[in-house]
Amino acid sequence: MSARKIKVLLAKPGLDGHDVGAKVVAQALIHAGFDVTYTGLRQTPEDIAQAARASGADVIGLSILSGAHLPLCRRLRDLLIEHGLHDRLWIVGGNIPEADRMVLRQLGYRGVFPTASRTEEIVSFIKENVQ
């Protein structure tokens, strides 16, 4: 009997229109055996929280290149808690300055992956952190 696949919801919040990186990450996660849902561009935090709850996601991943990562992640954190998803693995990647990485971790985003991160690093992090 095979183990249940880890479910990952990958989203692009805000007005950022660049999703090549998110699609590369999604493909790497699929190749690694994860069940991946990519919500597409320009998602609101409310849309993402609802999709995460509806999909039963184990991992909620955000790709943000716009520079709006702190307000978007704060708002989504509040919604994820409100929807009872505080126990899921939250990760974020993209154009994230060094000074903001600890702030994101303090908000509850356990995985923070700047643009130079390798997909193997993201795959390994998820495997190590999802029960």
N, C-alpha and C. Protein backbone atom coordinates (compact mmCIF):
# COMPACT_ATOMS: atom_id res chain seq x y z
N MET A 1 0.85 -1.18 0.00
CA MET A 1 0.00 0.00 0.00
C MET A 1 0.90 1.25 0.00
N SER A 2 0.61 2.21 -0.86
CA SER A 2 1.43 3.40 -0.93
C SER A 2 0.95 4.45 0.07
N ALA A 3 1.88 5.29 0.48
CA ALA A 3 1.55 6.37 1.42
C ALA A 3 0.74 7.44 0.69
N ARG A 4 -0.02 8.17 1.46
CA ARG A 4 -0.81 9.27 0.91
C ARG A 4 0.12 10.36 0.39
N LYS A 5 -0.22 10.91 -0.76
CA LYS A 5 0.57 12.00 -1.34
C LYS A 5 0.39 13.27 -0.51
N ILE A 6 1.45 14.00 -0.35
CA ILE A 6 1.39 15.31 0.29
C ILE A 6 0.70 16.27 -0.66
N LYS A 7 -0.33 16.98 -0.15
CA LYS A 7 -1.07 17.94 -0.96
C LYS A 7 -0.49 19.34 -0.77
N VAL A 8 -0.15 19.96 -1.90
CA VAL A 8 0.43 21.30 -1.89
C VAL A 8 -0.46 22.24 -2.68
N LEU A 9 -0.81 23.36 -2.07
CA LEU A 9 -1.50 24.44 -2.78
C LEU A 9 -0.46 25.51 -3.02
N LEU A 10 -0.22 25.85 -4.27
CA LEU A 10 0.75 26.88 -4.65
C LEU A 10 -0.01 28.04 -5.25
N ALA A 11 0.25 29.25 -4.75
CA ALA A 11 -0.52 30.42 -5.18
C ALA A 11 0.37 31.63 -5.44
N LYS A 12 -0.12 32.52 -6.29
CA LYS A 12 0.53 33.79 -6.60
C LYS A 12 -0.39 34.91 -6.13
N PRO A 13 -0.18 35.40 -4.90
CA PRO A 13 -1.05 36.48 -4.40
C PRO A 13 -0.66 37.84 -4.96
N GLY A 14 -1.62 38.72 -4.96
CA GLY A 14 -1.36 40.10 -5.35
C GLY A 14 -1.36 40.31 -6.85
N LEU A 15 -0.79 41.42 -7.26
CA LEU A 15 -0.85 41.84 -8.66
C LEU A 15 0.35 41.39 -9.48
N ASP A 16 1.24 40.65 -8.88
CA ASP A 16 2.42 40.14 -9.59
C ASP A 16 1.98 39.29 -10.78
N GLY A 17 2.49 39.59 -11.97
CA GLY A 17 2.10 38.88 -13.16
C GLY A 17 3.13 37.88 -13.66
N HIS A 18 4.16 37.61 -12.90
CA HIS A 18 5.24 36.72 -13.32
C HIS A 18 5.11 35.38 -12.59
N ASP A 19 4.80 34.33 -13.33
CA ASP A 19 4.60 33.05 -12.66
C ASP A 19 5.46 31.91 -13.21
N VAL A 20 6.49 32.23 -13.96
CA VAL A 20 7.36 31.17 -14.48
C VAL A 20 7.99 30.39 -13.33
N GLY A 21 8.50 31.10 -12.32
CA GLY A 21 9.12 30.43 -11.17
C GLY A 21 8.13 29.54 -10.44
N ALA A 22 6.92 30.02 -10.25
CA ALA A 22 5.89 29.22 -9.57
C ALA A 22 5.60 27.95 -10.35
N LYS A 23 5.56 28.05 -11.67
CA LYS A 23 5.29 26.89 -12.51
C LYS A 23 6.46 25.90 -12.47
N VAL A 24 7.68 26.41 -12.40
CA VAL A 24 8.86 25.54 -12.28
C VAL A 24 8.80 24.79 -10.96
N VAL A 25 8.48 25.49 -9.88
CA VAL A 25 8.36 24.85 -8.57
C VAL A 25 7.23 23.82 -8.58
N ALA A 26 6.10 24.18 -9.16
CA ALA A 26 4.97 23.23 -9.23
C ALA A 26 5.37 21.96 -9.96
N GLN A 27 6.06 22.09 -11.07
CA GLN A 27 6.50 20.91 -11.82
C GLN A 27 7.49 20.07 -11.02
N ALA A 28 8.40 20.71 -10.30
CA ALA A 28 9.35 19.97 -9.47
C ALA A 28 8.63 19.21 -8.36
N LEU A 29 7.62 19.82 -7.76
CA LEU A 29 6.86 19.17 -6.70
C LEU A 29 6.06 17.99 -7.25
N ILE A 30 5.48 18.15 -8.42
CA ILE A 30 4.75 17.06 -9.05
C ILE A 30 5.71 15.91 -9.36
N HIS A 31 6.87 16.25 -9.91
CA HIS A 31 7.88 15.24 -10.24
C HIS A 31 8.34 14.49 -8.98
N ALA A 32 8.34 15.18 -7.84
CA ALA A 32 8.74 14.56 -6.57
C ALA A 32 7.62 13.72 -5.95
N GLY A 33 6.44 13.70 -6.59
CA GLY A 33 5.36 12.86 -6.11
C GLY A 33 4.29 13.55 -5.29
N PHE A 34 4.34 14.86 -5.20
CA PHE A 34 3.33 15.60 -4.46
C PHE A 34 2.08 15.81 -5.32
N ASP A 35 0.95 15.97 -4.66
CA ASP A 35 -0.32 16.33 -5.30
C ASP A 35 -0.39 17.85 -5.26
N VAL A 36 -0.21 18.51 -6.41
CA VAL A 36 -0.07 19.97 -6.45
C VAL A 36 -1.25 20.62 -7.15
N THR A 37 -1.77 21.66 -6.50
CA THR A 37 -2.76 22.54 -7.11
C THR A 37 -2.14 23.92 -7.23
N TYR A 38 -2.10 24.45 -8.44
CA TYR A 38 -1.60 25.81 -8.66
C TYR A 38 -2.81 26.69 -8.96
N THR A 39 -3.01 27.72 -8.16
CA THR A 39 -4.21 28.55 -8.29
C THR A 39 -4.12 29.59 -9.39
N GLY A 40 -2.93 29.85 -9.90
CA GLY A 40 -2.78 30.86 -10.95
C GLY A 40 -2.46 32.23 -10.40
N LEU A 41 -2.41 33.18 -11.30
CA LEU A 41 -2.01 34.55 -10.99
C LEU A 41 -3.10 35.35 -10.28
N ARG A 42 -2.65 36.40 -9.60
CA ARG A 42 -3.50 37.45 -9.03
C ARG A 42 -4.57 36.95 -8.08
N GLN A 43 -4.16 36.11 -7.16
CA GLN A 43 -5.10 35.57 -6.17
C GLN A 43 -5.13 36.49 -4.94
N THR A 44 -6.30 36.66 -4.38
CA THR A 44 -6.40 37.42 -3.13
C THR A 44 -6.07 36.48 -1.97
N PRO A 45 -5.64 37.01 -0.84
CA PRO A 45 -5.45 36.15 0.33
C PRO A 45 -6.72 35.38 0.69
N GLU A 46 -7.88 36.00 0.52
CA GLU A 46 -9.13 35.33 0.82
C GLU A 46 -9.34 34.12 -0.10
N ASP A 47 -9.05 34.30 -1.39
CA ASP A 47 -9.17 33.20 -2.35
C ASP A 47 -8.22 32.05 -1.98
N ILE A 48 -7.02 32.41 -1.60
CA ILE A 48 -6.01 31.39 -1.27
C ILE A 48 -6.42 30.61 -0.03
N ALA A 49 -6.88 31.30 0.99
CA ALA A 49 -7.30 30.62 2.23
C ALA A 49 -8.47 29.68 1.95
N GLN A 50 -9.43 30.13 1.16
CA GLN A 50 -10.58 29.28 0.82
C GLN A 50 -10.14 28.07 0.01
N ALA A 51 -9.24 28.27 -0.95
CA ALA A 51 -8.75 27.16 -1.77
C ALA A 51 -7.96 26.16 -0.93
N ALA A 52 -7.18 26.66 0.02
CA ALA A 52 -6.39 25.78 0.89
C ALA A 52 -7.31 24.91 1.73
N ARG A 53 -8.35 25.51 2.27
CA ARG A 53 -9.29 24.74 3.08
C ARG A 53 -10.05 23.74 2.23
N ALA A 54 -10.52 24.16 1.07
CA ALA A 54 -11.30 23.28 0.19
C ALA A 54 -10.47 22.10 -0.32
N SER A 55 -9.19 22.34 -0.57
CA SER A 55 -8.35 21.28 -1.14
C SER A 55 -7.79 20.33 -0.10
N GLY A 56 -7.87 20.71 1.17
CA GLY A 56 -7.27 19.89 2.21
C GLY A 56 -5.76 19.90 2.15
N ALA A 57 -5.19 21.02 1.72
CA ALA A 57 -3.75 21.13 1.52
C ALA A 57 -2.97 20.91 2.83
N ASP A 58 -1.89 20.16 2.71
CA ASP A 58 -0.94 19.99 3.81
C ASP A 58 0.04 21.14 3.83
N VAL A 59 0.29 21.71 2.64
CA VAL A 59 1.27 22.78 2.47
C VAL A 59 0.61 23.91 1.71
N ILE A 60 0.78 25.13 2.20
CA ILE A 60 0.31 26.31 1.49
C ILE A 60 1.55 27.10 1.11
N GLY A 61 1.82 27.17 -0.20
CA GLY A 61 3.01 27.83 -0.70
C GLY A 61 2.67 29.06 -1.51
N LEU A 62 3.40 30.12 -1.27
CA LEU A 62 3.20 31.38 -1.98
C LEU A 62 4.44 31.72 -2.79
N SER A 63 4.23 32.29 -3.96
CA SER A 63 5.32 32.81 -4.78
C SER A 63 5.04 34.29 -4.97
N ILE A 64 5.97 35.12 -4.47
CA ILE A 64 5.74 36.57 -4.49
C ILE A 64 7.00 37.27 -4.98
N LEU A 65 6.88 37.98 -6.09
CA LEU A 65 8.00 38.74 -6.63
C LEU A 65 7.78 40.25 -6.57
N SER A 66 6.59 40.66 -6.19
CA SER A 66 6.19 42.06 -6.28
C SER A 66 6.76 42.97 -5.20
N GLY A 67 7.31 42.39 -4.14
CA GLY A 67 7.78 43.20 -3.02
C GLY A 67 6.71 43.39 -1.95
N ALA A 68 5.52 42.87 -2.16
CA ALA A 68 4.42 43.02 -1.21
C ALA A 68 4.29 41.80 -0.31
N HIS A 69 5.37 41.06 -0.12
CA HIS A 69 5.31 39.81 0.64
C HIS A 69 4.89 40.00 2.09
N LEU A 70 5.34 41.05 2.76
CA LEU A 70 4.98 41.20 4.18
C LEU A 70 3.49 41.46 4.38
N PRO A 71 2.88 42.45 3.71
CA PRO A 71 1.43 42.63 3.94
C PRO A 71 0.60 41.45 3.44
N LEU A 72 0.98 40.85 2.32
CA LEU A 72 0.22 39.71 1.82
C LEU A 72 0.33 38.52 2.77
N CYS A 73 1.52 38.25 3.27
CA CYS A 73 1.71 37.13 4.19
C CYS A 73 1.03 37.37 5.53
N ARG A 74 1.04 38.61 6.00
CA ARG A 74 0.33 38.92 7.26
C ARG A 74 -1.17 38.66 7.11
N ARG A 75 -1.73 39.15 6.01
CA ARG A 75 -3.18 38.99 5.80
C ARG A 75 -3.53 37.52 5.64
N LEU A 76 -2.73 36.79 4.86
CA LEU A 76 -3.03 35.38 4.66
C LEU A 76 -2.87 34.60 5.95
N ARG A 77 -1.87 34.92 6.75
CA ARG A 77 -1.70 34.26 8.04
C ARG A 77 -2.97 34.37 8.88
N ASP A 78 -3.52 35.57 8.96
CA ASP A 78 -4.74 35.78 9.74
C ASP A 78 -5.89 34.92 9.20
N LEU A 79 -6.00 34.85 7.89
CA LEU A 79 -7.08 34.07 7.27
C LEU A 79 -6.87 32.57 7.46
N LEU A 80 -5.64 32.11 7.35
CA LEU A 80 -5.36 30.69 7.55
C LEU A 80 -5.69 30.27 8.98
N ILE A 81 -5.36 31.11 9.93
CA ILE A 81 -5.70 30.83 11.33
C ILE A 81 -7.22 30.81 11.49
N GLU A 82 -7.88 31.81 10.90
CA GLU A 82 -9.35 31.89 10.97
C GLU A 82 -10.02 30.64 10.38
N HIS A 83 -9.43 30.09 9.33
CA HIS A 83 -9.99 28.90 8.66
C HIS A 83 -9.50 27.59 9.28
N GLY A 84 -8.79 27.67 10.42
CA GLY A 84 -8.34 26.47 11.09
C GLY A 84 -7.16 25.78 10.42
N LEU A 85 -6.38 26.52 9.67
CA LEU A 85 -5.24 25.95 8.94
C LEU A 85 -3.90 26.33 9.56
N HIS A 86 -3.92 26.63 10.84
CA HIS A 86 -2.70 27.04 11.54
C HIS A 86 -1.69 25.90 11.65
N ASP A 87 -2.14 24.66 11.54
CA ASP A 87 -1.26 23.50 11.70
C ASP A 87 -0.66 23.01 10.39
N ARG A 88 -0.92 23.69 9.29
CA ARG A 88 -0.37 23.31 8.00
C ARG A 88 1.01 23.94 7.84
N LEU A 89 1.77 23.43 6.90
CA LEU A 89 3.09 24.00 6.60
C LEU A 89 2.89 25.17 5.64
N TRP A 90 3.34 26.35 6.06
CA TRP A 90 3.25 27.55 5.22
C TRP A 90 4.65 27.85 4.73
N ILE A 91 4.79 28.04 3.41
CA ILE A 91 6.08 28.40 2.83
C ILE A 91 5.88 29.56 1.86
N VAL A 92 6.95 30.30 1.65
CA VAL A 92 6.89 31.44 0.73
C VAL A 92 8.23 31.53 0.01
N GLY A 93 8.15 31.88 -1.26
CA GLY A 93 9.36 32.06 -2.04
C GLY A 93 9.23 33.25 -2.96
N GLY A 94 10.36 33.70 -3.45
CA GLY A 94 10.36 34.81 -4.40
C GLY A 94 11.41 35.84 -4.05
N ASN A 95 11.12 37.05 -4.43
CA ASN A 95 12.03 38.17 -4.23
C ASN A 95 11.90 38.69 -2.80
N ILE A 96 12.59 38.01 -1.88
CA ILE A 96 12.45 38.31 -0.46
C ILE A 96 13.80 38.75 0.10
N PRO A 97 13.91 40.02 0.47
CA PRO A 97 15.18 40.51 1.02
C PRO A 97 15.56 39.79 2.31
N GLU A 98 16.82 39.69 2.55
CA GLU A 98 17.36 39.03 3.75
C GLU A 98 16.71 39.57 5.02
N ALA A 99 16.52 40.88 5.10
CA ALA A 99 15.97 41.50 6.30
C ALA A 99 14.54 41.06 6.60
N ASP A 100 13.81 40.60 5.61
CA ASP A 100 12.41 40.22 5.80
C ASP A 100 12.22 38.73 6.09
N ARG A 101 13.25 37.93 5.91
CA ARG A 101 13.10 36.48 6.04
C ARG A 101 12.75 36.05 7.46
N MET A 102 13.39 36.64 8.46
CA MET A 102 13.07 36.30 9.85
C MET A 102 11.67 36.78 10.21
N VAL A 103 11.27 37.92 9.71
CA VAL A 103 9.91 38.42 9.96
C VAL A 103 8.89 37.41 9.44
N LEU A 104 9.11 36.89 8.25
CA LEU A 104 8.20 35.90 7.68
C LEU A 104 8.17 34.63 8.51
N ARG A 105 9.32 34.20 9.00
CA ARG A 105 9.36 33.01 9.86
C ARG A 105 8.60 33.27 11.16
N GLN A 106 8.73 34.48 11.71
CA GLN A 106 8.01 34.82 12.93
C GLN A 106 6.51 34.87 12.70
N LEU A 107 6.08 35.15 11.48
CA LEU A 107 4.66 35.15 11.13
C LEU A 107 4.11 33.73 11.00
N GLY A 108 5.02 32.74 10.91
CA GLY A 108 4.58 31.35 10.81
C GLY A 108 4.94 30.67 9.51
N TYR A 109 5.60 31.38 8.61
CA TYR A 109 6.04 30.78 7.35
C TYR A 109 7.37 30.08 7.62
N ARG A 110 7.28 28.78 7.85
CA ARG A 110 8.46 28.02 8.29
C ARG A 110 9.50 27.88 7.19
N GLY A 111 9.07 27.86 5.95
CA GLY A 111 10.00 27.79 4.84
C GLY A 111 10.01 29.10 4.08
N VAL A 112 11.17 29.72 3.98
CA VAL A 112 11.32 30.97 3.25
C VAL A 112 12.42 30.75 2.21
N PHE A 113 12.06 30.86 0.94
CA PHE A 113 12.96 30.51 -0.15
C PHE A 113 13.16 31.69 -1.09
N PRO A 114 14.31 32.36 -1.00
CA PRO A 114 14.58 33.46 -1.93
C PRO A 114 14.74 32.95 -3.36
N THR A 115 14.76 33.84 -4.32
CA THR A 115 14.75 33.47 -5.73
C THR A 115 15.88 32.53 -6.14
N ALA A 116 16.98 32.52 -5.48
CA ALA A 116 18.10 31.64 -5.86
C ALA A 116 17.96 30.22 -5.31
N SER A 117 16.89 29.93 -4.59
CA SER A 117 16.71 28.61 -3.99
C SER A 117 16.55 27.55 -5.07
N ARG A 118 17.07 26.38 -4.79
CA ARG A 118 16.95 25.25 -5.72
C ARG A 118 15.67 24.48 -5.41
N THR A 119 15.06 23.94 -6.45
CA THR A 119 13.82 23.20 -6.25
C THR A 119 14.03 21.98 -5.36
N GLU A 120 15.21 21.37 -5.42
CA GLU A 120 15.50 20.21 -4.56
C GLU A 120 15.45 20.60 -3.09
N GLU A 121 15.85 21.82 -2.78
CA GLU A 121 15.81 22.32 -1.41
C GLU A 121 14.36 22.44 -0.93
N ILE A 122 13.49 22.92 -1.80
CA ILE A 122 12.08 23.08 -1.45
C ILE A 122 11.43 21.71 -1.26
N VAL A 123 11.70 20.78 -2.16
CA VAL A 123 11.16 19.42 -2.06
C VAL A 123 11.60 18.78 -0.75
N SER A 124 12.90 18.86 -0.45
CA SER A 124 13.42 18.26 0.79
C SER A 124 12.80 18.88 2.03
N PHE A 125 12.65 20.21 2.02
CA PHE A 125 12.07 20.91 3.17
C PHE A 125 10.65 20.42 3.42
N ILE A 126 9.86 20.29 2.37
CA ILE A 126 8.48 19.83 2.53
C ILE A 126 8.46 18.41 3.07
N LYS A 127 9.25 17.52 2.48
CA LYS A 127 9.28 16.14 2.93
C LYS A 127 9.67 16.03 4.40
N GLU A 128 10.60 16.87 4.85
CA GLU A 128 11.07 16.82 6.23
C GLU A 128 10.08 17.44 7.23
N ASN A 129 9.18 18.29 6.73
CA ASN A 129 8.33 19.06 7.64
C ASN A 129 6.85 18.75 7.59
N VAL A 130 6.45 17.80 6.76
CA VAL A 130 5.04 17.40 6.72
C VAL A 130 4.93 15.99 7.28
N GLN A 131 4.08 15.83 8.29
CA GLN A 131 3.89 14.52 8.92
C GLN A 131 2.86 13.73 8.18
